Amino acid sequence: MPSNKMLGTVLIGAAAFLMRNKKTREKTMSQIRSLATPETMDKVKSQFQSITKTKSSNPSVR
């Protein structure tokens, strides 16, 4: 669990920095928008669905 706390702290720090710095926030959001094309979203959804189908068909896998 210590790694979860550290990850949470880093995420909170990054969020605080983005909220404070408008230029960085806008740059980050534009980069996320460029990555989140419909094709990319469909690819991620299909991969996620295949993972969940595999887990539901084999309940012993954690």
Protein backbone atom coordinates (compact mmCIF):
# COMPACT_ATOMS: atom_id res chain seq x y z
CA MET A 1 0.00 0.00 0.00
CA PRO A 2 2.86 2.53 0.41
CA SER A 3 3.17 2.74 -3.39
CA ASN A 4 -0.52 3.65 -3.62
CA LYS A 5 -0.01 6.49 -1.16
CA MET A 6 3.00 7.74 -3.08
CA LEU A 7 1.12 7.57 -6.38
CA GLY A 8 -1.80 9.45 -4.86
CA THR A 9 0.52 12.14 -3.54
CA VAL A 10 2.14 12.54 -6.94
CA LEU A 11 -1.25 12.78 -8.65
CA ILE A 12 -2.46 15.40 -6.18
CA GLY A 13 0.73 17.40 -6.70
CA ALA A 14 0.40 17.21 -10.48
CA ALA A 15 -3.25 18.25 -10.30
CA ALA A 16 -2.40 21.19 -8.06
CA PHE A 17 0.34 22.29 -10.46
CA LEU A 18 -2.02 22.07 -13.44
CA MET A 19 -4.70 24.04 -11.62
CA ARG A 20 -2.19 26.75 -10.77
CA ASN A 21 -0.33 27.07 -14.07
CA LYS A 22 -2.68 27.97 -16.95
CA LYS A 23 -0.12 27.60 -19.74
CA THR A 24 0.87 24.11 -18.63
CA ARG A 25 -2.77 23.13 -18.12
CA GLU A 26 -3.69 24.20 -21.67
CA LYS A 27 -0.67 22.44 -23.17
CA THR A 28 -1.44 19.22 -21.30
CA MET A 29 -5.10 19.28 -22.31
CA SER A 30 -4.23 19.86 -25.98
CA GLN A 31 -1.83 16.90 -25.87
CA ILE A 32 -4.48 14.69 -24.29
CA ARG A 33 -7.02 15.75 -26.91
CA SER A 34 -4.60 14.92 -29.72
CA LEU A 35 -4.05 11.44 -28.25
CA ALA A 36 -7.73 10.79 -27.63
CA THR A 37 -8.80 10.42 -31.26
CA PRO A 38 -11.91 8.33 -31.96
CA GLU A 39 -9.74 5.59 -33.46
CA THR A 40 -7.59 5.44 -30.34
CA MET A 41 -10.64 5.37 -28.09
CA ASP A 42 -12.17 2.50 -30.09
CA LYS A 43 -8.91 0.56 -29.92
CA VAL A 44 -8.67 0.99 -26.14
CA LYS A 45 -12.33 0.00 -25.68
CA SER A 46 -11.91 -3.16 -27.73
CA GLN A 47 -8.77 -4.13 -25.79
CA PHE A 48 -10.52 -3.49 -22.48
CA GLN A 49 -13.54 -5.55 -23.56
CA SER A 50 -11.32 -8.46 -24.57
CA ILE A 51 -9.59 -8.33 -21.17
CA THR A 52 -12.88 -8.30 -19.27
CA LYS A 53 -14.26 -11.15 -21.41
CA THR A 54 -11.16 -13.22 -20.65
CA LYS A 55 -11.52 -12.63 -16.92
CA SER A 56 -15.25 -13.39 -16.91
CA SER A 57 -14.76 -16.62 -18.87
CA ASN A 58 -12.06 -17.76 -16.43
CA PRO A 59 -13.11 -16.68 -12.92
CA SER A 60 -10.09 -18.34 -11.28
CA VAL A 61 -7.79 -15.71 -12.87
CA ARG A 62 -7.28 -12.65 -10.69
